[in-house]
Amino acid sequence: MMKPLGIATPGTMSILALAFLLRVSAVGQEAPRVTDPGQAPDLVEIAALDPTVHLDIRYATPDNFMGKRLYAEARAFLRRPVADALLRAHRALGPSGYGLLIFDAYRPWSVTKRMWDETPPAKRDFVANPARGSNHNRACAVDVSLYDRARGGAVEMPSGYDEMTERASPAYAGGTAEQRARRDRLRHALEAQGFEVEPNEWWHFNHRDCRRFPVLDIPFPAIRPASSSGSHGRERVQSEPSA
């Protein structure tokens, strides 16, 4: 006889209880993280290494999906080997007339936690779970697009940055042929240097060595970059509206 829906048998009760306990445990977990700047000696500032890389650090402004300023400073840091790989991609793009435009790089864990807490559950596929920690927290992931070296402005891509729609997929077949070609050029340049694109965000790239780095929760003002020469950033590059 079919049992009425919603009525649990003694056998299913224990399964349901275990699932509930596992869910509660996962929600309460926090990724182990480093808070001492002295334990992250290999962080470098991208603008100090190569000022021709442009910055548009959205989380230092309210112009982001949260609508709030989340960073005290508009700066971009990465682990040294990850930064070196990124700069190789940037220079390889030069002959084609493009350069890299960075939206985000290292992100303190506490910012990821805030994003998760304040994002509606239906949109959390686009936000890292703080229980695991983000590759941005490990300083080995970068959110990046292209700028036109001749005119200095950001180029159009199939979607805007941090757009939580199907257009953000690196496999999205819509938009114009030019937008898709630029998106694919960016991906090929970064993949050639050991990065992998995030499945639902064309702008998000993780370095292949990410898992060997610990999660960090060090605020920008406390970071002592391994390479401190050069400026702390550039004027923000205004992005064109996406199609």
C-alpha atoms as a PDB file:
ATOM      1  CA  MET A   1       0.000   0.000   0.000  1.00  0.00           C
ATOM      2  CA  MET A   2       1.266   3.477  -0.865  1.00  0.00           C
ATOM      3  CA  LYS A   3       1.970   5.560   2.232  1.00  0.00           C
ATOM      4  CA  PRO A   4       0.376   9.017   2.417  1.00  0.00           C
ATOM      5  CA  LEU A   5       2.768  11.804   1.419  1.00  0.00           C
ATOM      6  CA  GLY A   6       4.329  13.692   4.298  1.00  0.00           C
ATOM      7  CA  ILE A   7       4.217  10.840   6.799  1.00  0.00           C
ATOM      8  CA  ALA A   8       7.676   9.555   7.724  1.00  0.00           C
ATOM      9  CA  THR A   9       8.278   5.954   8.718  1.00  0.00           C
ATOM     10  CA  PRO A  10      10.669   5.098  11.600  1.00  0.00           C
ATOM     11  CA  GLY A  11      13.349   4.230   9.014  1.00  0.00           C
ATOM     12  CA  THR A  12      13.067   7.515   7.203  1.00  0.00           C
ATOM     13  CA  MET A  13      12.987   9.464  10.455  1.00  0.00           C
ATOM     14  CA  SER A  14      16.633   8.654  11.174  1.00  0.00           C
ATOM     15  CA  ILE A  15      17.644   9.578   7.612  1.00  0.00           C
ATOM     16  CA  LEU A  16      15.800  12.880   7.816  1.00  0.00           C
ATOM     17  CA  ALA A  17      17.314  13.621  11.207  1.00  0.00           C
ATOM     18  CA  LEU A  18      20.816  12.912   9.906  1.00  0.00           C
ATOM     19  CA  ALA A  19      20.262  15.120   6.868  1.00  0.00           C
ATOM     20  CA  PHE A  20      19.031  17.928   9.113  1.00  0.00           C
ATOM     21  CA  LEU A  21      22.038  17.648  11.405  1.00  0.00           C
ATOM     22  CA  LEU A  22      24.441  17.652   8.467  1.00  0.00           C
ATOM     23  CA  ARG A  23      22.759  20.745   7.032  1.00  0.00           C
ATOM     24  CA  VAL A  24      22.911  22.590  10.364  1.00  0.00           C
ATOM     25  CA  SER A  25      26.554  21.594  10.763  1.00  0.00           C
ATOM     26  CA  ALA A  26      27.458  22.808   7.262  1.00  0.00           C
ATOM     27  CA  VAL A  27      25.725  26.139   7.820  1.00  0.00           C
ATOM     28  CA  GLY A  28      27.621  26.698  11.043  1.00  0.00           C
ATOM     29  CA  GLN A  29      31.051  25.783   9.678  1.00  0.00           C
ATOM     30  CA  GLU A  30      33.603  28.422   8.831  1.00  0.00           C
ATOM     31  CA  ALA A  31      36.663  27.877   6.679  1.00  0.00           C
ATOM     32  CA  PRO A  32      39.990  27.996   8.568  1.00  0.00           C
ATOM     33  CA  ARG A  33      41.599  31.287   7.673  1.00  0.00           C
ATOM     34  CA  VAL A  34      44.720  33.360   8.116  1.00  0.00           C
ATOM     35  CA  THR A  35      44.307  36.798   9.704  1.00  0.00           C
ATOM     36  CA  ASP A  36      47.980  37.671  10.321  1.00  0.00           C
ATOM     37  CA  PRO A  37      49.506  39.668   7.418  1.00  0.00           C
ATOM     38  CA  GLY A  38      52.887  38.168   8.286  1.00  0.00           C
ATOM     39  CA  GLN A  39      51.595  34.740   7.250  1.00  0.00           C
ATOM     40  CA  ALA A  40      50.853  35.912   3.686  1.00  0.00           C
ATOM     41  CA  PRO A  41      54.264  37.218   2.582  1.00  0.00           C
ATOM     42  CA  ASP A  42      53.764  36.438  -1.106  1.00  0.00           C
ATOM     43  CA  LEU A  43      50.860  38.826  -1.749  1.00  0.00           C
ATOM     44  CA  VAL A  44      51.727  41.361  -4.441  1.00  0.00           C
ATOM     45  CA  GLU A  45      49.875  44.374  -5.788  1.00  0.00           C
ATOM     46  CA  ILE A  46      49.119  44.121  -9.498  1.00  0.00           C
ATOM     47  CA  ALA A  47      49.326  47.855 -10.228  1.00  0.00           C
ATOM     48  CA  ALA A  48      52.796  47.986  -8.698  1.00  0.00           C
ATOM     49  CA  LEU A  49      54.023  45.161 -10.938  1.00  0.00           C
ATOM     50  CA  ASP A  50      52.590  46.521 -14.193  1.00  0.00           C
ATOM     51  CA  PRO A  51      50.700  49.829 -14.296  1.00  0.00           C
ATOM     52  CA  THR A  52      49.394  49.065 -17.801  1.00  0.00           C
ATOM     53  CA  VAL A  53      46.938  46.621 -16.205  1.00  0.00           C
ATOM     54  CA  HIS A  54      43.796  48.683 -15.589  1.00  0.00           C
ATOM     55  CA  LEU A  55      41.662  48.501 -12.465  1.00  0.00           C
ATOM     56  CA  ASP A  56      37.912  48.895 -12.035  1.00  0.00           C
ATOM     57  CA  ILE A  57      37.520  47.558  -8.498  1.00  0.00           C
ATOM     58  CA  ARG A  58      33.745  47.483  -8.239  1.00  0.00           C
ATOM     59  CA  TYR A  59      33.566  46.427  -4.591  1.00  0.00           C
ATOM     60  CA  ALA A  60      35.340  49.639  -3.599  1.00  0.00           C
ATOM     61  CA  THR A  61      32.240  51.452  -4.921  1.00  0.00           C
ATOM     62  CA  PRO A  62      28.472  50.907  -4.704  1.00  0.00           C
ATOM     63  CA  ASP A  63      28.496  49.892  -8.399  1.00  0.00           C
ATOM     64  CA  ASN A  64      28.221  46.135  -7.811  1.00  0.00           C
ATOM     65  CA  PHE A  65      25.525  43.507  -7.340  1.00  0.00           C
ATOM     66  CA  MET A  66      25.363  44.276  -3.605  1.00  0.00           C
ATOM     67  CA  GLY A  67      24.862  48.005  -4.219  1.00  0.00           C
ATOM     68  CA  LYS A  68      27.302  48.732  -1.381  1.00  0.00           C
ATOM     69  CA  ARG A  69      30.939  49.641  -0.912  1.00  0.00           C
ATOM     70  CA  LEU A  70      32.628  46.530   0.512  1.00  0.00           C
ATOM     71  CA  TYR A  71      36.341  47.434   0.230  1.00  0.00           C
ATOM     72  CA  ALA A  72      38.078  50.318   1.958  1.00  0.00           C
ATOM     73  CA  GLU A  73      40.501  50.744  -0.965  1.00  0.00           C
ATOM     74  CA  ALA A  74      40.431  50.174  -4.729  1.00  0.00           C
ATOM     75  CA  ARG A  75      43.381  47.785  -4.905  1.00  0.00           C
ATOM     76  CA  ALA A  76      44.085  44.349  -6.396  1.00  0.00           C
ATOM     77  CA  PHE A  77      46.341  41.730  -4.777  1.00  0.00           C
ATOM     78  CA  LEU A  78      47.272  38.183  -5.803  1.00  0.00           C
ATOM     79  CA  ARG A  79      49.735  35.491  -4.778  1.00  0.00           C
ATOM     80  CA  ARG A  80      53.036  36.125  -6.547  1.00  0.00           C
ATOM     81  CA  PRO A  81      52.959  33.076  -8.881  1.00  0.00           C
ATOM     82  CA  VAL A  82      49.337  33.818  -9.784  1.00  0.00           C
ATOM     83  CA  ALA A  83      50.156  37.473 -10.472  1.00  0.00           C
ATOM     84  CA  ASP A  84      53.068  36.464 -12.684  1.00  0.00           C
ATOM     85  CA  ALA A  85      50.778  34.193 -14.715  1.00  0.00           C
ATOM     86  CA  LEU A  86      48.204  36.977 -15.041  1.00  0.00           C
ATOM     87  CA  LEU A  87      50.815  39.425 -16.304  1.00  0.00           C
ATOM     88  CA  ARG A  88      52.007  36.936 -18.910  1.00  0.00           C
ATOM     89  CA  ALA A  89      48.432  36.767 -20.221  1.00  0.00           C
ATOM     90  CA  HIS A  90      48.199  40.575 -20.194  1.00  0.00           C
ATOM     91  CA  ARG A  91      51.369  40.933 -22.243  1.00  0.00           C
ATOM     92  CA  ALA A  92      50.351  38.184 -24.657  1.00  0.00           C
ATOM     93  CA  LEU A  93      47.186  40.163 -25.425  1.00  0.00           C
ATOM     94  CA  GLY A  94      49.171  43.283 -26.363  1.00  0.00           C
ATOM     95  CA  PRO A  95      49.706  42.542 -30.066  1.00  0.00           C
ATOM     96  CA  SER A  96      45.945  42.087 -30.521  1.00  0.00           C
ATOM     97  CA  GLY A  97      45.317  45.566 -29.102  1.00  0.00           C
ATOM     98  CA  TYR A  98      43.878  44.508 -25.759  1.00  0.00           C
ATOM     99  CA  GLY A  99      44.935  44.641 -22.136  1.00  0.00           C
ATOM    100  CA  LEU A 100      43.484  43.262 -18.909  1.00  0.00           C
ATOM    101  CA  LEU A 101      40.938  45.163 -16.833  1.00  0.00           C
ATOM    102  CA  ILE A 102      40.598  43.822 -13.282  1.00  0.00           C
ATOM    103  CA  PHE A 103      37.325  44.000 -11.372  1.00  0.00           C
ATOM    104  CA  ASP A 104      38.422  41.961  -8.357  1.00  0.00           C
ATOM    105  CA  ALA A 105      41.304  39.804  -7.148  1.00  0.00           C
ATOM    106  CA  TYR A 106      42.043  38.935  -3.490  1.00  0.00           C
ATOM    107  CA  ARG A 107      38.921  39.275  -1.379  1.00  0.00           C
ATOM    108  CA  PRO A 108      38.967  39.041   2.443  1.00  0.00           C
ATOM    109  CA  TRP A 109      36.920  36.113   3.787  1.00  0.00           C
ATOM    110  CA  SER A 110      34.751  38.442   5.879  1.00  0.00           C
ATOM    111  CA  VAL A 111      33.565  40.134   2.659  1.00  0.00           C
ATOM    112  CA  THR A 112      32.635  36.759   1.153  1.00  0.00           C
ATOM    113  CA  LYS A 113      30.696  35.951   4.328  1.00  0.00           C
ATOM    114  CA  ARG A 114      28.796  39.233   4.058  1.00  0.00           C
ATOM    115  CA  MET A 115      27.980  38.580   0.396  1.00  0.00           C
ATOM    116  CA  TRP A 116      26.623  35.118   1.226  1.00  0.00           C
ATOM    117  CA  ASP A 117      24.541  36.338   4.145  1.00  0.00           C
ATOM    118  CA  GLU A 118      22.976  39.179   2.155  1.00  0.00           C
ATOM    119  CA  THR A 119      22.369  37.344  -1.144  1.00  0.00           C
ATOM    120  CA  PRO A 120      18.928  35.746  -1.701  1.00  0.00           C
ATOM    121  CA  PRO A 121      19.184  31.928  -1.723  1.00  0.00           C
ATOM    122  CA  ALA A 122      17.979  31.782  -5.336  1.00  0.00           C
ATOM    123  CA  LYS A 123      21.063  33.753  -6.436  1.00  0.00           C
ATOM    124  CA  ARG A 124      23.698  31.952  -4.352  1.00  0.00           C
ATOM    125  CA  ASP A 125      25.002  29.967  -7.325  1.00  0.00           C
ATOM    126  CA  PHE A 126      26.867  33.172  -8.142  1.00  0.00           C
ATOM    127  CA  VAL A 127      28.321  33.632  -4.634  1.00  0.00           C
ATOM    128  CA  ALA A 128      30.985  31.541  -2.877  1.00  0.00           C
ATOM    129  CA  ASN A 129      29.966  29.639   0.244  1.00  0.00           C
ATOM    130  CA  PRO A 130      32.036  30.958   3.183  1.00  0.00           C
ATOM    131  CA  ALA A 131      31.974  27.502   4.772  1.00  0.00           C
ATOM    132  CA  ARG A 132      34.404  26.401   2.064  1.00  0.00           C
ATOM    133  CA  GLY A 133      36.056  29.732   1.367  1.00  0.00           C
ATOM    134  CA  SER A 134      36.420  31.322  -2.051  1.00  0.00           C
ATOM    135  CA  ASN A 135      39.417  31.164  -4.352  1.00  0.00           C
ATOM    136  CA  HIS A 136      39.291  34.952  -4.146  1.00  0.00           C
ATOM    137  CA  ASN A 137      39.944  34.472  -0.410  1.00  0.00           C
ATOM    138  CA  ARG A 138      43.021  32.443  -1.353  1.00  0.00           C
ATOM    139  CA  ALA A 139      44.269  35.299  -3.570  1.00  0.00           C
ATOM    140  CA  CYS A 140      44.457  32.983  -6.570  1.00  0.00           C
ATOM    141  CA  ALA A 141      41.306  34.012  -8.473  1.00  0.00           C
ATOM    142  CA  VAL A 142      40.682  37.116 -10.539  1.00  0.00           C
ATOM    143  CA  ASP A 143      37.606  38.776 -12.053  1.00  0.00           C
ATOM    144  CA  VAL A 144      38.800  40.301 -15.291  1.00  0.00           C
ATOM    145  CA  SER A 145      37.810  41.666 -18.683  1.00  0.00           C
ATOM    146  CA  LEU A 146      39.554  43.442 -21.556  1.00  0.00           C
ATOM    147  CA  TYR A 147      40.223  47.080 -22.363  1.00  0.00           C
ATOM    148  CA  ASP A 148      41.105  48.569 -25.728  1.00  0.00           C
ATOM    149  CA  ARG A 149      44.722  49.768 -25.609  1.00  0.00           C
ATOM    150  CA  ALA A 150      44.189  52.321 -28.379  1.00  0.00           C
ATOM    151  CA  ARG A 151      41.356  54.224 -26.719  1.00  0.00           C
ATOM    152  CA  GLY A 152      41.748  53.040 -23.119  1.00  0.00           C
ATOM    153  CA  GLY A 153      38.111  52.043 -22.573  1.00  0.00           C
ATOM    154  CA  ALA A 154      36.573  48.753 -21.528  1.00  0.00           C
ATOM    155  CA  VAL A 155      35.203  46.570 -24.306  1.00  0.00           C
ATOM    156  CA  GLU A 156      31.714  45.111 -24.508  1.00  0.00           C
ATOM    157  CA  MET A 157      31.190  41.496 -23.511  1.00  0.00           C
ATOM    158  CA  PRO A 158      28.039  39.334 -23.806  1.00  0.00           C
ATOM    159  CA  SER A 159      27.007  40.378 -20.279  1.00  0.00           C
ATOM    160  CA  GLY A 160      27.917  42.944 -17.690  1.00  0.00           C
ATOM    161  CA  TYR A 161      30.212  42.115 -14.783  1.00  0.00           C
ATOM    162  CA  ASP A 162      28.497  40.254 -11.924  1.00  0.00           C
ATOM    163  CA  GLU A 163      25.340  39.897 -14.002  1.00  0.00           C
ATOM    164  CA  MET A 164      23.408  36.976 -12.525  1.00  0.00           C
ATOM    165  CA  THR A 165      21.799  35.722 -15.752  1.00  0.00           C
ATOM    166  CA  GLU A 166      22.450  33.067 -18.393  1.00  0.00           C
ATOM    167  CA  ARG A 167      24.393  35.680 -20.380  1.00  0.00           C
ATOM    168  CA  ALA A 168      27.202  35.419 -17.812  1.00  0.00           C
ATOM    169  CA  SER A 169      28.009  31.845 -18.867  1.00  0.00           C
ATOM    170  CA  PRO A 170      31.279  31.465 -20.814  1.00  0.00           C
ATOM    171  CA  ALA A 171      29.301  29.209 -23.171  1.00  0.00           C
ATOM    172  CA  TYR A 172      26.453  31.675 -23.804  1.00  0.00           C
ATOM    173  CA  ALA A 173      25.705  31.761 -27.535  1.00  0.00           C
ATOM    174  CA  GLY A 174      23.862  35.082 -27.561  1.00  0.00           C
ATOM    175  CA  GLY A 175      25.111  38.633 -27.896  1.00  0.00           C
ATOM    176  CA  THR A 176      27.068  39.778 -30.912  1.00  0.00           C
ATOM    177  CA  ALA A 177      29.814  37.845 -32.665  1.00  0.00           C
ATOM    178  CA  GLU A 178      32.293  40.546 -31.597  1.00  0.00           C
ATOM    179  CA  GLN A 179      31.325  40.264 -27.938  1.00  0.00           C
ATOM    180  CA  ARG A 180      31.689  36.489 -27.973  1.00  0.00           C
ATOM    181  CA  ALA A 181      35.014  36.711 -29.794  1.00  0.00           C
ATOM    182  CA  ARG A 182      36.419  39.068 -27.158  1.00  0.00           C
ATOM    183  CA  ARG A 183      35.121  36.855 -24.342  1.00  0.00           C
ATOM    184  CA  ASP A 184      36.761  33.815 -25.948  1.00  0.00           C
ATOM    185  CA  ARG A 185      40.022  35.697 -26.574  1.00  0.00           C
ATOM    186  CA  LEU A 186      40.182  36.577 -22.879  1.00  0.00           C
ATOM    187  CA  ARG A 187      39.541  32.968 -21.910  1.00  0.00           C
ATOM    188  CA  HIS A 188      42.173  31.562 -24.268  1.00  0.00           C
ATOM    189  CA  ALA A 189      44.807  34.034 -23.051  1.00  0.00           C
ATOM    190  CA  LEU A 190      44.239  33.126 -19.401  1.00  0.00           C
ATOM    191  CA  GLU A 191      43.896  29.386 -19.953  1.00  0.00           C
ATOM    192  CA  ALA A 192      47.276  29.436 -21.717  1.00  0.00           C
ATOM    193  CA  GLN A 193      48.778  30.640 -18.408  1.00  0.00           C
ATOM    194  CA  GLY A 194      47.190  28.054 -16.117  1.00  0.00           C
ATOM    195  CA  PHE A 195      43.808  29.616 -15.291  1.00  0.00           C
ATOM    196  CA  GLU A 196      40.397  27.952 -15.531  1.00  0.00           C
ATOM    197  CA  VAL A 197      37.171  29.851 -16.142  1.00  0.00           C
ATOM    198  CA  GLU A 198      34.284  29.577 -13.659  1.00  0.00           C
ATOM    199  CA  PRO A 199      31.390  27.645 -15.300  1.00  0.00           C
ATOM    200  CA  ASN A 200      28.780  30.386 -14.817  1.00  0.00           C
ATOM    201  CA  GLU A 201      30.949  33.550 -14.951  1.00  0.00           C
ATOM    202  CA  TRP A 202      32.989  34.437 -18.038  1.00  0.00           C
ATOM    203  CA  TRP A 203      34.997  37.008 -16.025  1.00  0.00           C
ATOM    204  CA  HIS A 204      36.029  34.727 -13.123  1.00  0.00           C
ATOM    205  CA  PHE A 205      39.263  32.751 -13.477  1.00  0.00           C
ATOM    206  CA  ASN A 206      40.858  30.418 -10.929  1.00  0.00           C
ATOM    207  CA  HIS A 207      44.528  29.525 -11.053  1.00  0.00           C
ATOM    208  CA  ARG A 208      45.236  25.800 -11.230  1.00  0.00           C
ATOM    209  CA  ASP A 209      47.263  25.915  -7.971  1.00  0.00           C
ATOM    210  CA  CYS A 210      44.497  27.497  -5.902  1.00  0.00           C
ATOM    211  CA  ARG A 211      43.979  24.641  -3.456  1.00  0.00           C
ATOM    212  CA  ARG A 212      47.496  24.858  -2.096  1.00  0.00           C
ATOM    213  CA  PHE A 213      46.831  28.343  -0.723  1.00  0.00           C
ATOM    214  CA  PRO A 214      44.999  28.963   2.577  1.00  0.00           C
ATOM    215  CA  VAL A 215      41.947  31.186   2.993  1.00  0.00           C
ATOM    216  CA  LEU A 216      42.869  34.721   4.088  1.00  0.00           C
ATOM    217  CA  ASP A 217      40.905  37.305   6.023  1.00  0.00           C
ATOM    218  CA  ILE A 218      43.315  40.231   5.982  1.00  0.00           C
ATOM    219  CA  PRO A 219      41.855  43.697   5.222  1.00  0.00           C
ATOM    220  CA  PHE A 220      43.508  45.676   2.452  1.00  0.00           C
ATOM    221  CA  PRO A 221      45.014  48.390   4.700  1.00  0.00           C
ATOM    222  CA  ALA A 222      46.842  45.708   6.724  1.00  0.00           C
ATOM    223  CA  ILE A 223      48.512  44.037   3.719  1.00  0.00           C
ATOM    224  CA  ARG A 224      52.234  44.552   3.281  1.00  0.00           C
ATOM    225  CA  PRO A 225      52.797  43.651  -0.381  1.00  0.00           C
ATOM    226  CA  ALA A 226      55.909  41.681  -1.274  1.00  0.00           C
ATOM    227  CA  SER A 227      56.495  44.222  -4.053  1.00  0.00           C
ATOM    228  CA  SER A 228      55.663  47.709  -2.800  1.00  0.00           C
ATOM    229  CA  SER A 229      57.160  49.844  -5.574  1.00  0.00           C
ATOM    230  CA  GLY A 230      54.846  51.770  -7.851  1.00  0.00           C
ATOM    231  CA  SER A 231      51.419  53.249  -7.268  1.00  0.00           C
ATOM    232  CA  HIS A 232      48.520  51.754  -5.377  1.00  0.00           C
ATOM    233  CA  GLY A 233      46.266  51.794  -8.387  1.00  0.00           C
ATOM    234  CA  ARG A 234      44.959  53.643 -11.397  1.00  0.00           C
ATOM    235  CA  GLU A 235      42.020  55.818 -12.230  1.00  0.00           C
ATOM    236  CA  ARG A 236      38.909  53.718 -12.556  1.00  0.00           C
ATOM    237  CA  VAL A 237      38.085  52.750 -16.150  1.00  0.00           C
ATOM    238  CA  GLN A 238      34.407  53.264 -16.894  1.00  0.00           C
ATOM    239  CA  SER A 239      32.843  50.187 -18.482  1.00  0.00           C
ATOM    240  CA  GLU A 240      30.589  50.545 -21.478  1.00  0.00           C
ATOM    241  CA  PRO A 241      27.025  49.319 -21.103  1.00  0.00           C
ATOM    242  CA  SER A 242      26.736  45.683 -22.084  1.00  0.00           C
ATOM    243  CA  ALA A 243      24.432  44.689 -24.882  1.00  0.00           C
END
